[in-house]
PDB file of N, CA and C in Angstrom:
ATOM      1  N   MET A   1      91.913  77.070 158.790  1.00  0.00           N
ATOM      2  CA  MET A   1      91.666  78.294 159.502  1.00  0.00           C
ATOM      3  C   MET A   1      90.157  78.512 159.531  1.00  0.00           C
ATOM      4  N   LYS A   2      89.617  78.612 160.697  1.00  0.00           N
ATOM      5  CA  LYS A   2      88.217  78.965 160.902  1.00  0.00           C
ATOM      6  C   LYS A   2      88.232  80.110 161.890  1.00  0.00           C
ATOM      7  N   LYS A   3      87.823  81.292 161.432  1.00  0.00           N
ATOM      8  CA  LYS A   3      87.995  82.443 162.296  1.00  0.00           C
ATOM      9  C   LYS A   3      86.924  83.498 162.049  1.00  0.00           C
ATOM     10  N   ILE A   4      86.524  84.175 163.127  1.00  0.00           N
ATOM     11  CA  ILE A   4      85.625  85.320 163.026  1.00  0.00           C
ATOM     12  C   ILE A   4      86.483  86.568 163.184  1.00  0.00           C
ATOM     13  N   PHE A   5      86.438  87.448 162.186  1.00  0.00           N
ATOM     14  CA  PHE A   5      87.209  88.678 162.198  1.00  0.00           C
ATOM     15  C   PHE A   5      86.308  89.847 162.563  1.00  0.00           C
ATOM     16  N   LYS A   6      86.759  90.679 163.477  1.00  0.00           N
ATOM     17  CA  LYS A   6      86.062  91.915 163.830  1.00  0.00           C
ATOM     18  C   LYS A   6      86.377  92.952 162.752  1.00  0.00           C
ATOM     19  N   LEU A   7      85.355  93.612 162.229  1.00  0.00           N
ATOM     20  CA  LEU A   7      85.541  94.589 161.163  1.00  0.00           C
ATOM     21  C   LEU A   7      85.475  96.030 161.664  1.00  0.00           C
ATOM     22  N   GLN A   8      85.135  96.212 162.925  1.00  0.00           N
ATOM     23  CA  GLN A   8      85.034  97.558 163.477  1.00  0.00           C
ATOM     24  C   GLN A   8      85.839  97.647 164.770  1.00  0.00           C
ATOM     25  N   ASP A   9      86.595  98.736 164.881  1.00  0.00           N
ATOM     26  CA  ASP A   9      87.390  98.992 166.065  1.00  0.00           C
ATOM     27  C   ASP A   9      87.502 100.511 166.207  1.00  0.00           C
ATOM     28  N   GLU A  10      87.318 101.009 167.417  1.00  0.00           N
ATOM     29  CA  GLU A  10      87.349 102.452 167.629  1.00  0.00           C
ATOM     30  C   GLU A  10      88.730 103.041 167.368  1.00  0.00           C
ATOM     31  N   LYS A  11      89.776 102.262 167.568  1.00  0.00           N
ATOM     32  CA  LYS A  11      91.141 102.771 167.462  1.00  0.00           C
ATOM     33  C   LYS A  11      91.719 102.691 166.053  1.00  0.00           C
ATOM     34  N   ARG A  12      91.092 101.942 165.168  1.00  0.00           N
ATOM     35  CA  ARG A  12      91.665 101.725 163.832  1.00  0.00           C
ATOM     36  C   ARG A  12      90.671 102.099 162.740  1.00  0.00           C
ATOM     37  N   HIS A  13      91.200 102.583 161.627  1.00  0.00           N
ATOM     38  CA  HIS A  13      90.383 102.926 160.467  1.00  0.00           C
ATOM     39  C   HIS A  13      89.886 101.632 159.812  1.00  0.00           C
ATOM     40  N   PRO A  14      88.628 101.586 159.367  1.00  0.00           N
ATOM     41  CA  PRO A  14      88.090 100.348 158.765  1.00  0.00           C
ATOM     42  C   PRO A  14      88.913  99.815 157.590  1.00  0.00           C
ATOM     43  N   ASP A  15      89.488 100.726 156.782  1.00  0.00           N
ATOM     44  CA  ASP A  15      90.304 100.273 155.647  1.00  0.00           C
ATOM     45  C   ASP A  15      91.547  99.530 156.126  1.00  0.00           C
ATOM     46  N   ARG A  16      92.142  99.975 157.223  1.00  0.00           N
ATOM     47  CA  ARG A  16      93.333  99.302 157.754  1.00  0.00           C
ATOM     48  C   ARG A  16      92.976  97.948 158.338  1.00  0.00           C
ATOM     49  N   ILE A  17      91.784  97.829 158.897  1.00  0.00           N
ATOM     50  CA  ILE A  17      91.336  96.545 159.439  1.00  0.00           C
ATOM     51  C   ILE A  17      91.183  95.532 158.309  1.00  0.00           C
ATOM     52  N   ILE A  18      90.546  95.961 157.204  1.00  0.00           N
ATOM     53  CA  ILE A  18      90.355  95.089 156.036  1.00  0.00           C
ATOM     54  C   ILE A  18      91.700  94.665 155.461  1.00  0.00           C
ATOM     55  N   GLU A  19      92.626  95.609 155.342  1.00  0.00           N
ATOM     56  CA  GLU A  19      93.951  95.277 154.814  1.00  0.00           C
ATOM     57  C   GLU A  19      94.685  94.291 155.723  1.00  0.00           C
ATOM     58  N   ALA A  20      94.527  94.429 157.032  1.00  0.00           N
ATOM     59  CA  ALA A  20      95.170  93.497 157.969  1.00  0.00           C
ATOM     60  C   ALA A  20      94.580  92.094 157.840  1.00  0.00           C
ATOM     61  N   ILE A  21      93.268  92.007 157.626  1.00  0.00           N
ATOM     62  CA  ILE A  21      92.623  90.702 157.440  1.00  0.00           C
ATOM     63  C   ILE A  21      93.118  90.052 156.153  1.00  0.00           C
ATOM     64  N   LYS A  22      93.169  90.829 155.078  1.00  0.00           N
ATOM     65  CA  LYS A  22      93.668  90.301 153.800  1.00  0.00           C
ATOM     66  C   LYS A  22      95.109  89.804 153.949  1.00  0.00           C
ATOM     67  N   HIS A  23      95.920  90.568 154.669  1.00  0.00           N
ATOM     68  CA  HIS A  23      97.317  90.172 154.879  1.00  0.00           C
ATOM     69  C   HIS A  23      97.390  88.853 155.639  1.00  0.00           C
ATOM     70  N   GLU A  24      96.579  88.710 156.677  1.00  0.00           N
ATOM     71  CA  GLU A  24      96.587  87.470 157.469  1.00  0.00           C
ATOM     72  C   GLU A  24      96.148  86.278 156.626  1.00  0.00           C
ATOM     73  N   ILE A  25      95.146  86.468 155.775  1.00  0.00           N
ATOM     74  CA  ILE A  25      94.661  85.392 154.903  1.00  0.00           C
ATOM     75  C   ILE A  25      95.741  84.986 153.905  1.00  0.00           C
ATOM     76  N   ARG A  26      96.358  85.977 153.275  1.00  0.00           N
ATOM     77  CA  ARG A  26      97.410  85.674 152.295  1.00  0.00           C
ATOM     78  C   ARG A  26      98.603  84.985 152.957  1.00  0.00           C
ATOM     79  N   LYS A  27      98.940  85.397 154.169  1.00  0.00           N
ATOM     80  CA  LYS A  27     100.041  84.781 154.910  1.00  0.00           C
ATOM     81  C   LYS A  27      99.710  83.318 155.221  1.00  0.00           C
ATOM     82  N   TYR A  28      98.466  83.051 155.598  1.00  0.00           N
ATOM     83  CA  TYR A  28      98.041  81.678 155.876  1.00  0.00           C
ATOM     84  C   TYR A  28      98.133  80.820 154.612  1.00  0.00           C
ATOM     85  N   ILE A  29      97.653  81.339 153.487  1.00  0.00           N
ATOM     86  CA  ILE A  29      97.704  80.599 152.216  1.00  0.00           C
ATOM     87  C   ILE A  29      99.156  80.297 151.849  1.00  0.00           C
ATOM     88  N   LYS A  30     100.035  81.283 151.982  1.00  0.00           N
ATOM     89  CA  LYS A  30     101.441  81.083 151.653  1.00  0.00           C
ATOM     90  C   LYS A  30     102.060  80.011 152.552  1.00  0.00           C
ATOM     91  N   ARG A  31     101.738  80.039 153.837  1.00  0.00           N
ATOM     92  CA  ARG A  31     102.267  79.053 154.781  1.00  0.00           C
ATOM     93  C   ARG A  31     101.766  77.648 154.438  1.00  0.00           C
ATOM     94  N   GLU A  32     100.491  77.517 154.091  1.00  0.00           N
ATOM     95  CA  GLU A  32      99.928  76.212 153.741  1.00  0.00           C
ATOM     96  C   GLU A  32     100.538  75.673 152.451  1.00  0.00           C
ATOM     97  N   ARG A  33     100.766  76.532 151.464  1.00  0.00           N
ATOM     98  CA  ARG A  33     101.361  76.081 150.198  1.00  0.00           C
ATOM     99  C   ARG A  33     102.800  75.636 150.380  1.00  0.00           C
ATOM    100  N   GLY A  34     103.459  76.127 151.410  1.00  0.00           N
ATOM    101  CA  GLY A  34     104.841  75.744 151.675  1.00  0.00           C
ATOM    102  C   GLY A  34     104.982  74.401 152.357  1.00  0.00           C
ATOM    103  N   LYS A  35     103.896  73.853 152.861  1.00  0.00           N
ATOM    104  CA  LYS A  35     103.955  72.555 153.526  1.00  0.00           C
ATOM    105  C   LYS A  35     104.251  71.451 152.521  1.00  0.00           C
ATOM    106  N   LYS A  36     104.856  70.382 153.026  1.00  0.00           N
ATOM    107  CA  LYS A  36     105.218  69.260 152.164  1.00  0.00           C
ATOM    108  C   LYS A  36     103.965  68.510 151.728  1.00  0.00           C
ATOM    109  N   LEU A  37     103.902  68.222 150.452  1.00  0.00           N
ATOM    110  CA  LEU A  37     102.787  67.454 149.884  1.00  0.00           C
ATOM    111  C   LEU A  37     102.995  65.964 150.129  1.00  0.00           C
ATOM    112  N   PRO A  38     101.936  65.177 150.077  1.00  0.00           N
ATOM    113  CA  PRO A  38     102.108  63.727 150.157  1.00  0.00           C
ATOM    114  C   PRO A  38     103.047  63.245 149.050  1.00  0.00           C
ATOM    115  N   ASP A  39     103.592  62.059 149.209  1.00  0.00           N
ATOM    116  CA  ASP A  39     104.617  61.556 148.298  1.00  0.00           C
ATOM    117  C   ASP A  39     104.119  61.273 146.886  1.00  0.00           C
ATOM    118  N   GLU A  40     102.827  61.295 146.678  1.00  0.00           N
ATOM    119  CA  GLU A  40     102.318  61.028 145.337  1.00  0.00           C
ATOM    120  C   GLU A  40     102.766  62.135 144.379  1.00  0.00           C
ATOM    121  N   ALA A  41     103.011  61.760 143.129  1.00  0.00           N
ATOM    122  CA  ALA A  41     103.502  62.720 142.142  1.00  0.00           C
ATOM    123  C   ALA A  41     102.381  63.638 141.666  1.00  0.00           C
ATOM    124  N   LYS A  42     102.778  64.795 141.210  1.00  0.00           N
ATOM    125  CA  LYS A  42     101.895  65.768 140.566  1.00  0.00           C
ATOM    126  C   LYS A  42     100.708  66.159 141.439  1.00  0.00           C
ATOM    127  N   MET A  43     101.001  66.628 142.610  1.00  0.00           N
ATOM    128  CA  MET A  43      99.944  67.103 143.500  1.00  0.00           C
ATOM    129  C   MET A  43     100.157  68.580 143.783  1.00  0.00           C
ATOM    130  N   PHE A  44      99.108  69.257 144.216  1.00  0.00           N
ATOM    131  CA  PHE A  44      99.186  70.653 144.601  1.00  0.00           C
ATOM    132  C   PHE A  44      98.189  70.909 145.729  1.00  0.00           C
ATOM    133  N   TRP A  45      98.359  72.037 146.412  1.00  0.00           N
ATOM    134  CA  TRP A  45      97.442  72.399 147.487  1.00  0.00           C
ATOM    135  C   TRP A  45      96.248  73.145 146.897  1.00  0.00           C
ATOM    136  N   ASP A  46      95.057  72.709 147.264  1.00  0.00           N
ATOM    137  CA  ASP A  46      93.822  73.389 146.879  1.00  0.00           C
ATOM    138  C   ASP A  46      93.133  73.797 148.176  1.00  0.00           C
ATOM    139  N   PHE A  47      92.248  74.778 148.096  1.00  0.00           N
ATOM    140  CA  PHE A  47      91.628  75.318 149.307  1.00  0.00           C
ATOM    141  C   PHE A  47      90.116  75.341 149.179  1.00  0.00           C
ATOM    142  N   ASP A  48      89.449  74.842 150.222  1.00  0.00           N
ATOM    143  CA  ASP A  48      87.996  74.950 150.340  1.00  0.00           C
ATOM    144  C   ASP A  48      87.735  76.178 151.202  1.00  0.00           C
ATOM    145  N   CYS A  49      87.044  77.157 150.639  1.00  0.00           N
ATOM    146  CA  CYS A  49      86.838  78.426 151.329  1.00  0.00           C
ATOM    147  C   CYS A  49      85.359  78.698 151.552  1.00  0.00           C
ATOM    148  N   LYS A  50      85.049  79.292 152.690  1.00  0.00           N
ATOM    149  CA  LYS A  50      83.699  79.735 153.008  1.00  0.00           C
ATOM    150  C   LYS A  50      83.789  81.138 153.590  1.00  0.00           C
ATOM    151  N   PHE A  51      82.755  81.942 153.330  1.00  0.00           N
ATOM    152  CA  PHE A  51      82.728  83.319 153.806  1.00  0.00           C
ATOM    153  C   PHE A  51      81.296  83.706 154.130  1.00  0.00           C
ATOM    154  N   GLY A  52      81.098  84.395 155.235  1.00  0.00           N
ATOM    155  CA  GLY A  52      79.769  84.845 155.604  1.00  0.00           C
ATOM    156  C   GLY A  52      79.786  85.699 156.852  1.00  0.00           C
ATOM    157  N   GLU A  53      78.614  86.154 157.243  1.00  0.00           N
ATOM    158  CA  GLU A  53      78.512  86.985 158.444  1.00  0.00           C
ATOM    159  C   GLU A  53      78.729  86.151 159.707  1.00  0.00           C
ATOM    160  N   ASN A  54      78.356  84.862 159.646  1.00  0.00           N
ATOM    161  CA  ASN A  54      78.621  83.927 160.736  1.00  0.00           C
ATOM    162  C   ASN A  54      78.804  82.540 160.127  1.00  0.00           C
ATOM    163  N   ALA A  55      79.131  81.563 160.956  1.00  0.00           N
ATOM    164  CA  ALA A  55      79.425  80.216 160.463  1.00  0.00           C
ATOM    165  C   ALA A  55      78.215  79.569 159.801  1.00  0.00           C
ATOM    166  N   GLN A  56      77.012  79.840 160.297  1.00  0.00           N
ATOM    167  CA  GLN A  56      75.807  79.225 159.742  1.00  0.00           C
ATOM    168  C   GLN A  56      75.442  79.801 158.373  1.00  0.00           C
ATOM    169  N   SER A  57      75.731  81.074 158.140  1.00  0.00           N
ATOM    170  CA  SER A  57      75.361  81.695 156.869  1.00  0.00           C
ATOM    171  C   SER A  57      76.511  81.709 155.858  1.00  0.00           C
ATOM    172  N   ALA A  58      77.643  81.097 156.186  1.00  0.00           N
ATOM    173  CA  ALA A  58      78.808  81.104 155.296  1.00  0.00           C
ATOM    174  C   ALA A  58      78.526  80.311 154.028  1.00  0.00           C
ATOM    175  N   LYS A  59      78.980  80.872 152.905  1.00  0.00           N
ATOM    176  CA  LYS A  59      78.802  80.240 151.600  1.00  0.00           C
ATOM    177  C   LYS A  59      80.162  79.910 151.003  1.00  0.00           C
ATOM    178  N   SER A  60      80.215  78.832 150.238  1.00  0.00           N
ATOM    179  CA  SER A  60      81.454  78.426 149.577  1.00  0.00           C
ATOM    180  C   SER A  60      81.803  79.412 148.471  1.00  0.00           C
ATOM    181  N   MET A  61      83.084  79.721 148.369  1.00  0.00           N
ATOM    182  CA  MET A  61      83.579  80.578 147.302  1.00  0.00           C
ATOM    183  C   MET A  61      85.070  80.348 147.140  1.00  0.00           C
ATOM    184  N   THR A  62      85.643  80.935 146.100  1.00  0.00           N
ATOM    185  CA  THR A  62      87.074  80.781 145.856  1.00  0.00           C
ATOM    186  C   THR A  62      87.853  81.773 146.705  1.00  0.00           C
ATOM    187  N   PHE A  63      89.156  81.558 146.789  1.00  0.00           N
ATOM    188  CA  PHE A  63      90.014  82.436 147.572  1.00  0.00           C
ATOM    189  C   PHE A  63      89.940  83.870 147.068  1.00  0.00           C
ATOM    190  N   ASN A  64      89.981  84.069 145.743  1.00  0.00           N
ATOM    191  CA  ASN A  64      89.926  85.415 145.175  1.00  0.00           C
ATOM    192  C   ASN A  64      88.596  86.094 145.476  1.00  0.00           C
ATOM    193  N   ASP A  65      87.520  85.318 145.513  1.00  0.00           N
ATOM    194  CA  ASP A  65      86.211  85.888 145.831  1.00  0.00           C
ATOM    195  C   ASP A  65      86.144  86.373 147.275  1.00  0.00           C
ATOM    196  N   ILE A  66      86.870  85.725 148.169  1.00  0.00           N
ATOM    197  CA  ILE A  66      86.895  86.162 149.569  1.00  0.00           C
ATOM    198  C   ILE A  66      87.517  87.551 149.667  1.00  0.00           C
ATOM    199  N   ILE A  67      88.605  87.769 148.953  1.00  0.00           N
ATOM    200  CA  ILE A  67      89.278  89.071 148.974  1.00  0.00           C
ATOM    201  C   ILE A  67      88.333  90.152 148.457  1.00  0.00           C
ATOM    202  N   GLU A  68      87.613  89.872 147.371  1.00  0.00           N
ATOM    203  CA  GLU A  68      86.652  90.828 146.818  1.00  0.00           C
ATOM    204  C   GLU A  68      85.484  91.042 147.777  1.00  0.00           C
ATOM    205  N   ALA A  69      85.033  89.973 148.422  1.00  0.00           N
ATOM    206  CA  ALA A  69      83.896  90.076 149.339  1.00  0.00           C
ATOM    207  C   ALA A  69      84.247  90.925 150.557  1.00  0.00           C
ATOM    208  N   LEU A  70      85.492  90.897 150.993  1.00  0.00           N
ATOM    209  CA  LEU A  70      85.899  91.724 152.131  1.00  0.00           C
ATOM    210  C   LEU A  70      85.713  93.208 151.828  1.00  0.00           C
ATOM    211  N   ASP A  71      86.003  93.615 150.597  1.00  0.00           N
ATOM    212  CA  ASP A  71      85.807  95.012 150.213  1.00  0.00           C
ATOM    213  C   ASP A  71      84.323  95.385 150.252  1.00  0.00           C
ATOM    214  N   LYS A  72      83.473  94.498 149.772  1.00  0.00           N
ATOM    215  CA  LYS A  72      82.033  94.760 149.760  1.00  0.00           C
ATOM    216  C   LYS A  72      81.461  94.795 151.171  1.00  0.00           C
ATOM    217  N   VAL A  73      81.963  93.932 152.032  1.00  0.00           N
ATOM    218  CA  VAL A  73      81.466  93.833 153.398  1.00  0.00           C
ATOM    219  C   VAL A  73      81.771  95.104 154.189  1.00  0.00           C
ATOM    220  N   SER A  74      82.944  95.676 153.969  1.00  0.00           N
ATOM    221  CA  SER A  74      83.302  96.890 154.699  1.00  0.00           C
ATOM    222  C   SER A  74      82.361  98.034 154.340  1.00  0.00           C
ATOM    223  N   LYS A  75      81.925  98.076 153.094  1.00  0.00           N
ATOM    224  CA  LYS A  75      80.984  99.109 152.657  1.00  0.00           C
ATOM    225  C   LYS A  75      79.570  98.819 153.149  1.00  0.00           C
ATOM    226  N   ALA A  76      79.252  97.532 153.353  1.00  0.00           N
ATOM    227  CA  ALA A  76      77.919  97.151 153.814  1.00  0.00           C
ATOM    228  C   ALA A  76      77.733  97.415 155.309  1.00  0.00           C
ATOM    229  N   GLY A  77      78.826  97.576 156.040  1.00  0.00           N
ATOM    230  CA  GLY A  77      78.734  97.911 157.453  1.00  0.00           C
ATOM    231  C   GLY A  77      78.627  96.736 158.403  1.00  0.00           C
ATOM    232  N   TRP A  78      79.106  95.556 158.005  1.00  0.00           N
ATOM    233  CA  TRP A  78      79.098  94.398 158.906  1.00  0.00           C
ATOM    234  C   TRP A  78      80.017  94.689 160.087  1.00  0.00           C
ATOM    235  N   SER A  79      79.690  94.152 161.247  1.00  0.00           N
ATOM    236  CA  SER A  79      80.552  94.323 162.421  1.00  0.00           C
ATOM    237  C   SER A  79      81.605  93.216 162.508  1.00  0.00           C
ATOM    238  N   GLU A  80      81.317  92.051 161.917  1.00  0.00           N
ATOM    239  CA  GLU A  80      82.263  90.943 161.888  1.00  0.00           C
ATOM    240  C   GLU A  80      81.950  90.028 160.710  1.00  0.00           C
ATOM    241  N   CYS A  81      82.929  89.187 160.360  1.00  0.00           N
ATOM    242  CA  CYS A  81      82.719  88.210 159.285  1.00  0.00           C
ATOM    243  C   CYS A  81      83.423  86.912 159.659  1.00  0.00           C
ATOM    244  N   TYR A  82      82.912  85.812 159.104  1.00  0.00           N
ATOM    245  CA  TYR A  82      83.453  84.473 159.342  1.00  0.00           C
ATOM    246  C   TYR A  82      84.164  84.023 158.080  1.00  0.00           C
ATOM    247  N   ILE A  83      85.400  83.571 158.234  1.00  0.00           N
ATOM    248  CA  ILE A  83      86.179  83.064 157.106  1.00  0.00           C
ATOM    249  C   ILE A  83      86.709  81.684 157.478  1.00  0.00           C
ATOM    250  N   GLU A  84      86.494  80.728 156.571  1.00  0.00           N
ATOM    251  CA  GLU A  84      86.994  79.362 156.762  1.00  0.00           C
ATOM    252  C   GLU A  84      87.795  78.986 155.529  1.00  0.00           C
ATOM    253  N   ILE A  85      89.039  78.590 155.735  1.00  0.00           N
ATOM    254  CA  ILE A  85      89.904  78.142 154.640  1.00  0.00           C
ATOM    255  C   ILE A  85      90.535  76.827 155.075  1.00  0.00           C
ATOM    256  N   ILE A  86      90.221  75.759 154.340  1.00  0.00           N
ATOM    257  CA  ILE A  86      90.742  74.429 154.642  1.00  0.00           C
ATOM    258  C   ILE A  86      91.577  73.966 153.445  1.00  0.00           C
ATOM    259  N   SER A  87      92.825  73.566 153.708  1.00  0.00           N
ATOM    260  CA  SER A  87      93.694  73.116 152.625  1.00  0.00           C
ATOM    261  C   SER A  87      93.547  71.613 152.435  1.00  0.00           C
ATOM    262  N   ARG A  88      93.711  71.198 151.171  1.00  0.00           N
ATOM    263  CA  ARG A  88      93.675  69.773 150.848  1.00  0.00           C
ATOM    264  C   ARG A  88      94.576  69.530 149.648  1.00  0.00           C
ATOM    265  N   ALA A  89      95.201  68.375 149.606  1.00  0.00           N
ATOM    266  CA  ALA A  89      96.077  68.011 148.493  1.00  0.00           C
ATOM    267  C   ALA A  89      95.223  67.488 147.344  1.00  0.00           C
ATOM    268  N   GLU A  90      95.485  67.977 146.143  1.00  0.00           N
ATOM    269  CA  GLU A  90      94.764  67.566 144.944  1.00  0.00           C
ATOM    270  C   GLU A  90      95.757  67.066 143.909  1.00  0.00           C
ATOM    271  N   VAL A  91      95.320  66.160 143.069  1.00  0.00           N
ATOM    272  CA  VAL A  91      96.138  65.652 141.973  1.00  0.00           C
ATOM    273  C   VAL A  91      95.944  66.574 140.774  1.00  0.00           C
ATOM    274  N   LYS A  92      97.069  66.970 140.158  1.00  0.00           N
ATOM    275  CA  LYS A  92      96.994  67.835 138.976  1.00  0.00           C
ATOM    276  C   LYS A  92      96.406  67.050 137.813  1.00  0.00           C
ATOM    277  N   PRO A  93      95.523  67.692 137.004  1.00  0.00           N
ATOM    278  CA  PRO A  93      95.010  67.005 135.824  1.00  0.00           C
ATOM    279  C   PRO A  93      96.131  66.846 134.802  1.00  0.00           C
ATOM    280  N   PRO A  94      96.062  65.809 133.966  1.00  0.00           N
ATOM    281  CA  PRO A  94      97.110  65.612 132.963  1.00  0.00           C
ATOM    282  C   PRO A  94      97.199  66.799 132.012  1.00  0.00           C
ATOM    283  N   LYS A  95      98.421  67.102 131.599  1.00  0.00           N
ATOM    284  CA  LYS A  95      98.637  68.217 130.694  1.00  0.00           C
ATOM    285  C   LYS A  95      98.003  67.912 129.339  1.00  0.00           C
ATOM    286  N   GLY A  96      97.337  68.902 128.778  1.00  0.00           N
ATOM    287  CA  GLY A  96      96.715  68.716 127.471  1.00  0.00           C
ATOM    288  C   GLY A  96      95.330  68.107 127.547  1.00  0.00           C
ATOM    289  N   ALA A  97      94.878  67.767 128.723  1.00  0.00           N
ATOM    290  CA  ALA A  97      93.538  67.199 128.865  1.00  0.00           C
ATOM    291  C   ALA A  97      92.520  68.306 128.673  1.00  0.00           C
ATOM    292  N   ALA A  98      91.563  68.061 127.809  1.00  0.00           N
ATOM    293  CA  ALA A  98      90.529  69.048 127.519  1.00  0.00           C
ATOM    294  C   ALA A  98      89.539  69.077 128.680  1.00  0.00           C
ATOM    295  N   PRO A  99      89.071  70.274 129.042  1.00  0.00           N
ATOM    296  CA  PRO A  99      88.062  70.328 130.104  1.00  0.00           C
ATOM    297  C   PRO A  99      86.783  69.659 129.659  1.00  0.00           C
ATOM    298  N   ALA A 100      86.063  69.106 130.601  1.00  0.00           N
ATOM    299  CA  ALA A 100      84.803  68.419 130.293  1.00  0.00           C
ATOM    300  C   ALA A 100      83.799  69.406 129.723  1.00  0.00           C
ATOM    301  N   THR A 101      83.169  69.029 128.623  1.00  0.00           N
ATOM    302  CA  THR A 101      82.145  69.888 128.019  1.00  0.00           C
ATOM    303  C   THR A 101      80.826  69.155 128.057  1.00  0.00           C
ATOM    304  N   GLU A 102      79.766  69.939 128.015  1.00  0.00           N
ATOM    305  CA  GLU A 102      78.456  69.348 128.009  1.00  0.00           C
ATOM    306  C   GLU A 102      78.143  68.785 126.631  1.00  0.00           C
ATOM    307  N   GLU A 103      77.247  67.818 126.581  1.00  0.00           N
ATOM    308  CA  GLU A 103      76.867  67.233 125.298  1.00  0.00           C
ATOM    309  C   GLU A 103      76.221  68.300 124.445  1.00  0.00           C
ATOM    310  N   GLY A 104      76.505  68.270 123.156  1.00  0.00           N
ATOM    311  CA  GLY A 104      75.920  69.235 122.239  1.00  0.00           C
ATOM    312  C   GLY A 104      76.808  70.431 121.994  1.00  0.00           C
ATOM    313  N   ASP A 105      77.861  70.621 122.808  1.00  0.00           N
ATOM    314  CA  ASP A 105      78.781  71.724 122.576  1.00  0.00           C
ATOM    315  C   ASP A 105      79.669  71.387 121.394  1.00  0.00           C
ATOM    316  N   THR A 106      79.836  72.331 120.513  1.00  0.00           N
ATOM    317  CA  THR A 106      80.732  72.154 119.378  1.00  0.00           C
ATOM    318  C   THR A 106      81.774  73.236 119.418  1.00  0.00           C
ATOM    319  N   LEU A 107      82.925  72.926 118.867  1.00  0.00           N
ATOM    320  CA  LEU A 107      84.018  73.902 118.843  1.00  0.00           C
ATOM    321  C   LEU A 107      83.971  74.730 117.610  1.00  0.00           C
TER     322      LEU A 107
END
């Protein structure tokens, strides 16, 4: 999904516009997660997300950060925003695998 959303409309309250955008994003994520994964075992859907005032100024962030950023944008007075969400299949890390730590870290 690569889309520019209008944040201002004379007929609708800005809060309702933001809620409609959030609903559309969540619906898209749910639809993408429902798609069949490749036949390889232990895979899941991951999402590459970008958010900004336009496509050139969009920055990478997580899905949850996009939802939070929409609230901030409505208060900042943007007239539109660009949201890009691309799904990709990822292999799940093995269970019990410790996350990578930097050298010198001790437990």
